[in-house]
Amino acid sequence: MSEISNRQKMSPKELLVVLVISLGSFMSGLDATIVNIALPTIGKAFDVSTVTVSWVLNAYLIILVSLLLAASRLGDIRGYRKVFLGGFVIFTCGSALCGIAPSIDILVISRMLQAVGGAVIAALGSVMVTSYLASSLRGQALGIVAMFTMLGAALGPVVGGFLTSAFSWRFIFYVNLPVGIIAILLGLHVLPRVAAVSPKARLDAPGVALIFVALGTLIFGLTTLQGSTAMTAVAALVVSFVFWSLFYMRERRAPEPLINFRLFSSRAFSLQNINVMLIQLGMAGVMILMPFYLEMVKQIPTDNAGTILLALPIGMILTSPIAGRISDVIGTKKPIVLGFAICSVALLFLSTLSAHSSIGHAEIYLFLLGAGSGFAYAPLNSAVMGISPPESRGSTSGLIKMMTNLGSSLGVALVMLVTTAALGPKLAQLSAHTLPAGELSGAFDIAFLFLMCVEILGIILMLAIKDTPSTYSTDGEPVAGF
């Protein structure tokens, strides 16, 4: 009898448990893409520069990256139910504060609060599935959670564009409120009260603080490196280097570290983790620039721009499962190299966009970038998890999430740096809607070429790795965030 015919069905109670976890994944995926499309409108509403409004994303990502591993450990110590629902409450309250923010400063601070809850939701979803459900049901449940994650990411640009055009950019945050309230009430009723798995474990609070300062100063330094603040930016980058070094030394000596750096003794593990970051860096860079190109250069309404951006996540959703299955048969290296190559070609095409380019071409290039990213990400996930020892796969899964979101942070910061360098200090001083379309388009093209070089670097790193069979299946794994 086949494995499929032996597969058990989830009970109504188990389905509700998976639904609560999936709502968290849906909100996490939705929030990853819904904000980008509204950034030009937010910048215009507060009359701030493009670099300044990018901190609506940067602040969220810095907190998210800093707390992902800590949130996983906190769930082990305090219990998944309590921490997960607490994260949902924080995320929902942060969303409400974002919606009513009277200034860009308050909006950025509210996004940081929202990110605290977002880190908890993102970190605990998969581990709660494996803890609450029988092993025979985990594949189904993880597949449902992955589907909700991808659905949220795919709907983000469309929903964000519609809400911004029909109502206000504030509604991209208000949309989280009903989902959050439903999930919290449902979670209080259905999530099992299970004892914490490691109640005597310790959270590496100094490690969390060190990575927060290291990442925060790095992003601040990169985004302010141009213009009159160059010296301040250089000082921030020096501070970042010092704190990254302190974080490394702390984690090497900590009794219960956030990251097991011994795993990085494997060249394949190290380089492929870097490639996880690079593939996300390319996507995040494009997703921060394209709304400005579509709305400021092409003068497309926000709702239509959101629909156009949908091409990228659709490309990922279609190719990621296929690539995962192919890599299980022929190994991970060839699909990863092919994925990076497709991304490089897509970014080369994106660098040809101008004020006179066809929107159809832009959609094709975005779809191609998404397809390449999906083709690389699933095998990368399989390769990294396959190298990791079984007892370290939980922390390795958290590390992959961290590298993915670190790529998003660096993608936003680096494309802003490159675009500012190409356009001059005007981008950092003026709102994008006041700049000539031709100048903006030319600067964006240079940024796309920079991202193409990043993808080519990914190919070079993969060529230095020996292809080995992976014993880890990618079934039920979500694709990368956006």
Protein backbone atom coordinates (compact mmCIF):
# COMPACT_ATOMS: atom_id res chain seq x y z
CA MET A 1 0.00 0.00 0.00
CA SER A 2 1.40 3.41 -0.90
CA GLU A 3 2.39 6.06 1.58
CA ILE A 4 -0.35 8.34 0.26
CA SER A 5 -3.06 5.81 0.96
CA ASN A 6 -1.75 5.39 4.49
CA ARG A 7 -1.83 9.10 5.17
CA GLN A 8 -4.04 10.09 8.06
CA LYS A 9 -6.62 12.83 7.96
CA MET A 10 -6.47 15.72 10.37
CA SER A 11 -9.25 16.02 12.91
CA PRO A 12 -11.30 19.26 13.05
CA LYS A 13 -9.32 20.31 16.15
CA GLU A 14 -6.00 19.69 14.39
CA LEU A 15 -7.20 21.62 11.34
CA LEU A 16 -8.03 24.59 13.56
CA VAL A 17 -4.55 24.43 15.12
CA VAL A 18 -2.99 24.47 11.65
CA LEU A 19 -5.34 27.33 10.65
CA VAL A 20 -4.15 29.53 13.53
CA ILE A 21 -0.51 28.87 12.65
CA SER A 22 -1.30 29.45 8.96
CA LEU A 23 -2.94 32.80 9.71
CA GLY A 24 0.33 33.85 11.29
CA SER A 25 2.22 32.70 8.20
CA PHE A 26 -0.29 34.50 5.97
CA MET A 27 0.19 37.78 7.86
CA SER A 28 3.96 37.33 7.78
CA GLY A 29 3.93 36.74 4.01
CA LEU A 30 1.45 39.55 3.38
CA ASP A 31 3.39 42.09 5.44
CA ALA A 32 6.60 41.18 3.61
CA THR A 33 5.22 42.54 0.32
CA ILE A 34 2.28 44.81 1.10
CA VAL A 35 4.36 47.78 2.34
CA ASN A 36 6.69 48.10 -0.68
CA ILE A 37 3.96 49.18 -3.07
CA ALA A 38 2.85 51.98 -0.73
CA LEU A 39 6.32 53.47 -0.09
CA PRO A 40 6.10 56.14 -2.82
CA THR A 41 2.69 57.21 -1.46
CA ILE A 42 3.95 57.25 2.13
CA GLY A 43 6.97 59.32 1.11
CA LYS A 44 4.71 61.80 -0.68
CA ALA A 45 2.25 61.94 2.24
CA PHE A 46 4.97 62.87 4.74
CA ASP A 47 7.02 64.79 2.14
CA VAL A 48 10.22 62.89 2.92
CA SER A 49 13.03 61.59 0.70
CA THR A 50 13.17 58.13 -0.81
CA VAL A 51 16.05 57.18 1.49
CA THR A 52 14.08 58.31 4.55
CA VAL A 53 10.94 56.40 3.61
CA SER A 54 13.02 53.26 3.03
CA TRP A 55 13.42 53.10 6.82
CA VAL A 56 9.80 51.97 7.01
CA LEU A 57 11.23 48.71 5.63
CA ASN A 58 14.70 48.88 7.17
CA ALA A 59 13.48 49.32 10.75
CA TYR A 60 11.15 46.33 10.43
CA LEU A 61 13.86 44.10 8.95
CA ILE A 62 16.52 45.04 11.51
CA ILE A 63 14.28 44.03 14.41
CA LEU A 64 13.08 40.93 12.58
CA VAL A 65 16.60 39.66 11.84
CA SER A 66 17.79 40.47 15.35
CA LEU A 67 14.98 38.60 17.08
CA LEU A 68 14.27 35.56 14.86
CA LEU A 69 16.68 33.20 16.62
CA ALA A 70 15.84 34.66 20.03
CA ALA A 71 12.11 34.12 19.41
CA SER A 72 12.71 30.43 18.65
CA ARG A 73 14.67 30.00 21.86
CA LEU A 74 12.09 31.94 23.89
CA GLY A 75 9.39 29.56 22.61
CA ASP A 76 11.45 26.61 23.86
CA ILE A 77 11.83 28.24 27.27
CA ARG A 78 8.37 29.74 27.88
CA GLY A 79 6.16 27.49 25.78
CA TYR A 80 5.09 27.92 22.18
CA ARG A 81 1.44 28.77 22.84
CA LYS A 82 2.15 31.64 25.23
CA VAL A 83 4.95 33.17 23.16
CA PHE A 84 3.16 32.74 19.81
CA LEU A 85 -0.06 34.38 21.01
CA GLY A 86 1.96 37.14 22.69
CA GLY A 87 3.70 37.77 19.36
CA PHE A 88 0.34 37.96 17.63
CA VAL A 89 -0.87 40.56 20.14
CA ILE A 90 2.28 42.67 19.67
CA PHE A 91 2.06 42.41 15.88
CA THR A 92 -1.60 43.43 15.85
CA CYS A 93 -1.05 46.38 18.22
CA GLY A 94 1.97 47.48 16.19
CA SER A 95 -0.14 47.37 13.02
CA ALA A 96 -2.78 49.61 14.62
CA LEU A 97 -0.11 52.12 15.69
CA CYS A 98 1.36 52.12 12.17
CA GLY A 99 -2.06 52.95 10.76
CA ILE A 100 -2.56 56.01 12.98
CA ALA A 101 1.07 57.24 12.88
CA PRO A 102 1.05 61.06 12.54
CA SER A 103 4.67 61.31 11.31
CA ILE A 104 7.33 59.25 9.58
CA ASP A 105 9.25 58.93 12.87
CA ILE A 106 6.26 57.46 14.70
CA LEU A 107 5.59 55.15 11.75
CA VAL A 108 9.16 53.80 11.85
CA ILE A 109 8.97 53.24 15.62
CA SER A 110 5.60 51.49 15.24
CA ARG A 111 7.08 49.28 12.53
CA MET A 112 9.79 48.25 14.98
CA LEU A 113 7.13 47.19 17.50
CA GLN A 114 5.28 45.34 14.74
CA ALA A 115 8.52 43.52 13.85
CA VAL A 116 8.88 42.16 17.39
CA GLY A 117 5.60 40.30 16.94
CA GLY A 118 6.47 39.42 13.35
CA ALA A 119 9.70 37.73 14.45
CA VAL A 120 7.81 35.53 16.92
CA ILE A 121 5.17 34.57 14.34
CA ALA A 122 7.76 33.76 11.67
CA ALA A 123 10.06 31.84 14.00
CA LEU A 124 7.55 29.55 15.73
CA GLY A 125 5.18 28.46 12.96
CA SER A 126 7.04 25.38 11.71
CA VAL A 127 8.22 24.20 15.11
CA MET A 128 4.66 24.41 16.47
CA VAL A 129 3.45 22.17 13.64
CA THR A 130 6.09 19.56 14.46
CA SER A 131 5.31 19.81 18.18
CA TYR A 132 1.50 19.71 18.08
CA LEU A 133 0.80 17.20 15.28
CA ALA A 134 1.69 13.54 14.74
CA SER A 135 4.60 12.85 12.40
CA SER A 136 2.22 11.33 9.83
CA LEU A 137 0.40 14.69 9.57
CA ARG A 138 3.37 17.05 9.51
CA GLY A 139 3.88 17.01 5.75
CA GLN A 140 0.25 17.98 5.13
CA ALA A 141 0.34 20.64 7.82
CA LEU A 142 3.63 22.18 6.67
CA GLY A 143 2.28 22.24 3.12
CA ILE A 144 -0.80 24.17 4.29
CA VAL A 145 1.36 26.62 6.24
CA ALA A 146 3.65 27.09 3.21
CA MET A 147 0.62 27.67 0.98
CA PHE A 148 -0.67 30.43 3.29
CA THR A 149 2.81 32.03 3.40
CA MET A 150 3.05 32.10 -0.39
CA LEU A 151 -0.56 33.26 -0.73
CA GLY A 152 0.12 36.19 1.61
CA ALA A 153 3.31 37.14 -0.24
CA ALA A 154 1.57 36.92 -3.61
CA LEU A 155 -1.47 38.97 -2.53
CA GLY A 156 0.61 41.65 -0.79
CA PRO A 157 1.29 43.92 -3.80
CA VAL A 158 -2.29 43.56 -5.11
CA VAL A 159 -3.98 44.15 -1.74
CA GLY A 160 -1.55 46.95 -0.87
CA GLY A 161 -2.05 48.67 -4.20
CA PHE A 162 -5.84 48.43 -4.00
CA LEU A 163 -6.07 49.67 -0.39
CA THR A 164 -3.66 52.54 -1.04
CA SER A 165 -5.53 53.67 -4.16
CA ALA A 166 -9.08 53.12 -2.93
CA PHE A 167 -8.65 54.33 0.65
CA SER A 168 -5.25 55.31 2.08
CA TRP A 169 -1.82 53.83 2.68
CA ARG A 170 -2.88 53.51 6.34
CA PHE A 171 -5.22 50.66 5.41
CA ILE A 172 -2.29 48.40 4.50
CA PHE A 173 -1.74 48.21 8.26
CA TYR A 174 -5.39 48.20 9.30
CA VAL A 175 -5.95 45.05 7.21
CA ASN A 176 -3.88 43.13 9.79
CA LEU A 177 -6.28 43.95 12.62
CA PRO A 178 -9.25 41.66 11.85
CA VAL A 179 -6.94 38.77 10.90
CA GLY A 180 -4.91 39.25 14.06
CA ILE A 181 -7.94 39.45 16.35
CA ILE A 182 -9.49 36.32 14.83
CA ALA A 183 -6.21 34.41 15.13
CA ILE A 184 -5.70 35.46 18.77
CA LEU A 185 -9.24 34.47 19.84
CA LEU A 186 -9.08 31.21 17.91
CA GLY A 187 -5.60 30.47 19.26
CA LEU A 188 -6.70 30.96 22.86
CA HIS A 189 -9.36 28.33 22.25
CA VAL A 190 -7.57 25.68 20.15
CA LEU A 191 -3.80 25.84 20.70
CA PRO A 192 -2.76 23.04 23.10
CA ARG A 193 -1.30 23.90 26.49
CA VAL A 194 1.94 21.95 26.19
CA ALA A 195 4.82 22.22 28.65
CA ALA A 196 7.88 24.14 27.46
CA VAL A 197 10.45 21.84 25.86
CA SER A 198 13.47 23.54 27.50
CA PRO A 199 12.23 25.46 30.56
CA LYS A 200 15.71 25.56 32.11
CA ALA A 201 17.45 26.84 28.98
CA ARG A 202 18.78 30.38 28.84
CA LEU A 203 18.20 33.07 26.27
CA ASP A 204 21.44 34.61 25.04
CA ALA A 205 20.33 38.19 25.69
CA PRO A 206 23.83 39.68 25.16
CA GLY A 207 23.95 37.97 21.76
CA VAL A 208 20.59 39.47 20.82
CA ALA A 209 21.76 42.95 21.84
CA LEU A 210 25.05 42.61 19.94
CA ILE A 211 23.41 41.51 16.70
CA PHE A 212 20.83 44.32 16.97
CA VAL A 213 23.53 47.01 17.29
CA ALA A 214 25.71 45.38 14.62
CA LEU A 215 22.90 45.16 12.08
CA GLY A 216 21.37 48.54 12.93
CA THR A 217 24.65 50.42 12.52
CA LEU A 218 25.42 48.49 9.32
CA ILE A 219 22.12 49.46 7.67
CA PHE A 220 22.35 53.04 8.94
CA GLY A 221 25.90 53.35 7.62
CA LEU A 222 25.03 51.98 4.17
CA THR A 223 21.95 54.17 3.72
CA THR A 224 23.69 57.41 4.80
CA LEU A 225 27.07 56.90 3.14
CA GLN A 226 26.38 59.49 0.44
CA GLY A 227 26.42 63.25 0.94
CA SER A 228 27.12 65.38 4.02
CA THR A 229 26.59 62.49 6.46
CA ALA A 230 29.43 60.40 4.99
CA MET A 231 31.67 60.68 8.06
CA THR A 232 28.85 59.67 10.37
CA ALA A 233 28.12 56.74 8.09
CA VAL A 234 31.74 55.59 8.12
CA ALA A 235 31.76 55.77 11.92
CA ALA A 236 28.57 53.66 11.99
CA LEU A 237 30.15 51.05 9.72
CA VAL A 238 33.21 50.87 11.99
CA VAL A 239 30.94 50.39 15.01
CA SER A 240 29.08 47.69 13.08
CA PHE A 241 32.31 45.82 12.36
CA VAL A 242 33.28 45.96 16.02
CA PHE A 243 29.91 44.64 17.17
CA TRP A 244 29.83 41.86 14.54
CA SER A 245 33.24 40.80 15.86
CA LEU A 246 31.99 40.90 19.46
CA PHE A 247 28.92 38.89 18.43
CA TYR A 248 31.12 36.23 16.83
CA MET A 249 33.32 35.97 19.92
CA ARG A 250 30.30 35.87 22.21
CA GLU A 251 28.61 33.08 20.23
CA ARG A 252 31.81 31.02 20.13
CA ARG A 253 32.00 31.05 23.93
CA ALA A 254 28.34 31.19 24.99
CA PRO A 255 27.05 27.97 26.63
CA GLU A 256 23.76 28.25 24.66
CA PRO A 257 24.54 30.37 21.60
CA LEU A 258 22.00 31.78 19.15
CA ILE A 259 24.14 30.48 16.26
CA ASN A 260 26.33 27.38 16.29
CA PHE A 261 29.36 28.76 14.44
CA ARG A 262 30.96 25.31 14.39
CA LEU A 263 28.63 24.47 11.51
CA PHE A 264 30.43 27.10 9.42
CA SER A 265 33.58 24.96 9.43
CA SER A 266 32.00 23.34 6.35
CA ARG A 267 32.77 25.43 3.26
CA ALA A 268 29.59 24.22 1.54
CA PHE A 269 27.47 25.20 4.57
CA SER A 270 29.05 28.66 4.75
CA LEU A 271 28.91 29.51 1.04
CA GLN A 272 25.37 28.26 0.56
CA ASN A 273 24.15 30.27 3.55
CA ILE A 274 25.72 33.30 1.90
CA ASN A 275 23.84 32.41 -1.28
CA VAL A 276 20.56 32.23 0.65
CA MET A 277 21.27 35.84 1.60
CA LEU A 278 22.28 36.83 -1.95
CA ILE A 279 19.18 35.40 -3.65
CA GLN A 280 16.98 37.33 -1.22
CA LEU A 281 19.12 40.46 -1.57
CA GLY A 282 18.38 40.54 -5.29
CA MET A 283 14.64 40.16 -4.85
CA ALA A 284 14.41 42.70 -2.03
CA GLY A 285 16.40 45.23 -4.05
CA VAL A 286 14.03 44.90 -7.00
CA MET A 287 10.93 45.01 -4.83
CA ILE A 288 12.03 48.30 -3.21
CA LEU A 289 12.83 49.97 -6.57
CA MET A 290 10.04 48.76 -8.83
CA PRO A 291 7.18 50.61 -7.05
CA PHE A 292 9.10 53.87 -7.55
CA TYR A 293 9.76 53.02 -11.21
CA LEU A 294 6.14 52.09 -11.89
CA GLU A 295 4.53 54.95 -9.95
CA MET A 296 7.04 57.78 -10.42
CA VAL A 297 8.59 57.01 -13.81
CA LYS A 298 5.69 55.30 -15.62
CA GLN A 299 2.97 57.22 -13.71
CA ILE A 300 0.96 54.04 -13.11
CA PRO A 301 -1.72 54.11 -10.37
CA THR A 302 -0.74 52.29 -7.19
CA ASP A 303 -3.35 49.54 -7.55
CA ASN A 304 -2.20 48.73 -11.09
CA ALA A 305 1.43 48.80 -9.98
CA GLY A 306 0.62 46.25 -7.28
CA THR A 307 -0.86 43.90 -9.88
CA ILE A 308 2.27 44.19 -12.02
CA LEU A 309 4.52 43.33 -9.07
CA LEU A 310 2.50 40.14 -8.59
CA ALA A 311 4.52 38.63 -11.46
CA LEU A 312 7.56 38.10 -9.19
CA PRO A 313 5.96 35.99 -6.42
CA ILE A 314 3.98 34.03 -9.03
CA GLY A 315 7.27 33.12 -10.69
CA MET A 316 8.61 31.87 -7.37
CA ILE A 317 5.50 29.90 -6.49
CA LEU A 318 5.51 28.09 -9.84
CA THR A 319 9.19 27.10 -9.91
CA SER A 320 10.09 26.46 -6.26
CA PRO A 321 8.28 23.09 -5.92
CA ILE A 322 9.61 21.93 -9.31
CA ALA A 323 13.18 22.85 -8.39
CA GLY A 324 12.85 21.05 -5.06
CA ARG A 325 11.82 17.82 -6.77
CA ILE A 326 14.53 18.12 -9.44
CA SER A 327 17.22 18.67 -6.81
CA ASP A 328 16.11 15.51 -5.00
CA VAL A 329 16.95 13.58 -8.19
CA ILE A 330 20.03 15.28 -9.71
CA GLY A 331 21.48 17.08 -6.70
CA THR A 332 21.27 20.70 -5.61
CA LYS A 333 24.20 22.39 -7.34
CA LYS A 334 22.92 22.48 -10.94
CA PRO A 335 19.45 23.84 -10.09
CA ILE A 336 20.98 26.51 -7.83
CA VAL A 337 23.45 27.64 -10.53
CA LEU A 338 20.63 27.68 -13.11
CA GLY A 339 18.45 29.73 -10.75
CA PHE A 340 21.18 32.33 -10.21
CA ALA A 341 21.83 32.46 -13.96
CA ILE A 342 18.15 33.11 -14.70
CA CYS A 343 18.14 35.87 -12.06
CA SER A 344 21.24 37.45 -13.66
CA VAL A 345 19.57 37.53 -17.08
CA ALA A 346 16.36 38.95 -15.59
CA LEU A 347 18.26 41.75 -13.85
CA LEU A 348 20.15 42.53 -17.06
CA PHE A 349 16.78 42.93 -18.79
CA LEU A 350 15.46 45.08 -15.91
CA SER A 351 18.46 47.38 -16.33
CA THR A 352 17.19 48.25 -19.83
CA LEU A 353 13.90 49.70 -18.54
CA SER A 354 13.30 53.38 -19.23
CA ALA A 355 10.45 55.84 -19.15
CA HIS A 356 9.42 54.57 -22.60
CA SER A 357 9.61 50.82 -21.90
CA SER A 358 6.58 48.57 -22.23
CA ILE A 359 4.90 47.47 -18.99
CA GLY A 360 4.55 44.02 -20.53
CA HIS A 361 8.33 43.77 -20.68
CA ALA A 362 8.62 44.77 -17.03
CA GLU A 363 6.14 42.03 -16.05
CA ILE A 364 8.07 39.39 -18.03
CA TYR A 365 11.36 40.42 -16.42
CA LEU A 366 9.83 40.32 -12.93
CA PHE A 367 8.35 36.88 -13.59
CA LEU A 368 11.74 35.69 -14.83
CA LEU A 369 13.44 36.99 -11.69
CA GLY A 370 10.86 35.25 -9.50
CA ALA A 371 11.25 32.01 -11.46
CA GLY A 372 15.04 32.07 -11.08
CA SER A 373 14.80 32.89 -7.38
CA GLY A 374 12.35 30.05 -6.79
CA PHE A 375 14.55 27.67 -8.75
CA ALA A 376 17.56 28.50 -6.57
CA TYR A 377 15.94 28.87 -3.15
CA ALA A 378 14.34 25.45 -2.63
CA PRO A 379 17.54 23.52 -3.51
CA LEU A 380 19.57 25.94 -1.36
CA ASN A 381 17.26 25.19 1.56
CA SER A 382 17.65 21.46 0.91
CA ALA A 383 21.44 21.69 0.62
CA VAL A 384 21.95 23.68 3.83
CA MET A 385 19.57 21.51 5.85
CA GLY A 386 21.15 18.35 4.40
CA ILE A 387 24.63 19.39 5.51
CA SER A 388 23.42 20.19 9.02
CA PRO A 389 23.51 17.33 11.58
CA PRO A 390 19.99 16.13 12.55
CA GLU A 391 20.34 17.50 16.09
CA SER A 392 21.12 20.98 14.69
CA ARG A 393 18.40 21.21 12.05
CA GLY A 394 16.09 23.27 14.25
CA SER A 395 18.70 25.99 14.75
CA THR A 396 19.75 25.70 11.09
CA SER A 397 16.17 26.33 9.98
CA GLY A 398 16.19 29.50 12.11
CA LEU A 399 19.55 30.46 10.60
CA ILE A 400 18.13 30.15 7.07
CA LYS A 401 15.27 32.49 8.05
CA MET A 402 17.82 34.89 9.53
CA MET A 403 20.00 34.86 6.38
CA THR A 404 16.89 35.37 4.22
CA ASN A 405 15.83 38.44 6.16
CA LEU A 406 19.41 39.69 6.40
CA GLY A 407 19.42 39.58 2.61
CA SER A 408 16.25 41.69 2.59
CA SER A 409 17.84 44.24 4.92
CA LEU A 410 21.00 44.50 2.86
CA GLY A 411 19.03 44.55 -0.39
CA VAL A 412 17.06 47.62 0.67
CA ALA A 413 20.13 49.39 2.07
CA LEU A 414 22.51 48.62 -0.82
CA VAL A 415 20.15 49.55 -3.65
CA MET A 416 19.41 52.83 -1.88
CA LEU A 417 23.19 53.39 -1.61
CA VAL A 418 23.81 52.58 -5.28
CA THR A 419 20.81 54.59 -6.50
CA THR A 420 21.82 57.58 -4.39
CA ALA A 421 25.39 57.36 -5.71
CA ALA A 422 24.07 57.23 -9.28
CA LEU A 423 21.55 60.05 -8.87
CA GLY A 424 23.51 62.20 -6.46
CA PRO A 425 22.42 63.69 -3.12
CA LYS A 426 19.04 64.74 -4.54
CA LEU A 427 17.58 61.29 -3.81
CA ALA A 428 18.47 61.60 -0.14
CA GLN A 429 17.21 65.16 0.13
CA LEU A 430 14.04 65.24 -1.98
CA SER A 431 10.90 63.18 -2.30
CA ALA A 432 11.10 60.96 -5.38
CA HIS A 433 7.96 62.43 -6.95
CA THR A 434 9.77 65.78 -7.43
CA LEU A 435 12.62 64.25 -9.48
CA PRO A 436 12.64 63.97 -13.31
CA ALA A 437 11.51 60.56 -14.57
CA GLY A 438 14.55 60.13 -16.81
CA GLU A 439 17.01 60.69 -13.98
CA LEU A 440 15.19 58.26 -11.72
CA SER A 441 15.05 55.59 -14.42
CA GLY A 442 18.77 55.87 -15.20
CA ALA A 443 19.70 55.52 -11.52
CA PHE A 444 17.42 52.49 -11.14
CA ASP A 445 19.08 50.85 -14.15
CA ILE A 446 22.49 51.15 -12.49
CA ALA A 447 21.07 49.61 -9.32
CA PHE A 448 19.67 46.67 -11.33
CA LEU A 449 23.11 46.11 -12.88
CA PHE A 450 24.59 46.09 -9.38
CA LEU A 451 22.09 43.42 -8.35
CA MET A 452 23.01 41.43 -11.47
CA CYS A 453 26.63 41.40 -10.24
CA VAL A 454 25.37 40.09 -6.88
CA GLU A 455 23.65 37.16 -8.66
CA ILE A 456 26.81 36.44 -10.67
CA LEU A 457 28.70 36.30 -7.37
CA GLY A 458 26.23 33.61 -6.28
CA ILE A 459 27.15 31.53 -9.35
CA ILE A 460 30.87 31.90 -8.56
CA LEU A 461 30.34 30.77 -4.96
CA MET A 462 28.39 27.71 -6.13
CA LEU A 463 31.19 26.71 -8.52
CA ALA A 464 33.49 26.45 -5.47
CA ILE A 465 31.20 23.83 -3.89
CA LYS A 466 31.27 20.10 -4.58
CA ASP A 467 27.83 18.72 -5.41
CA THR A 468 26.76 16.08 -2.91
CA PRO A 469 23.39 14.28 -2.57
CA SER A 470 21.09 15.81 0.05
CA THR A 471 19.11 13.58 2.39
CA TYR A 472 16.78 16.44 3.29
CA SER A 473 13.48 16.80 1.41
CA THR A 474 12.10 20.24 0.55
CA ASP A 475 8.48 19.01 0.63
CA GLY A 476 6.30 21.38 2.59
CA GLU A 477 8.96 24.08 2.86
CA PRO A 478 7.83 27.62 2.07
CA VAL A 479 9.63 29.68 -0.49
CA ALA A 480 11.68 32.67 0.51
CA GLY A 481 10.20 35.81 1.89
CA PHE A 482 10.01 38.94 -0.22
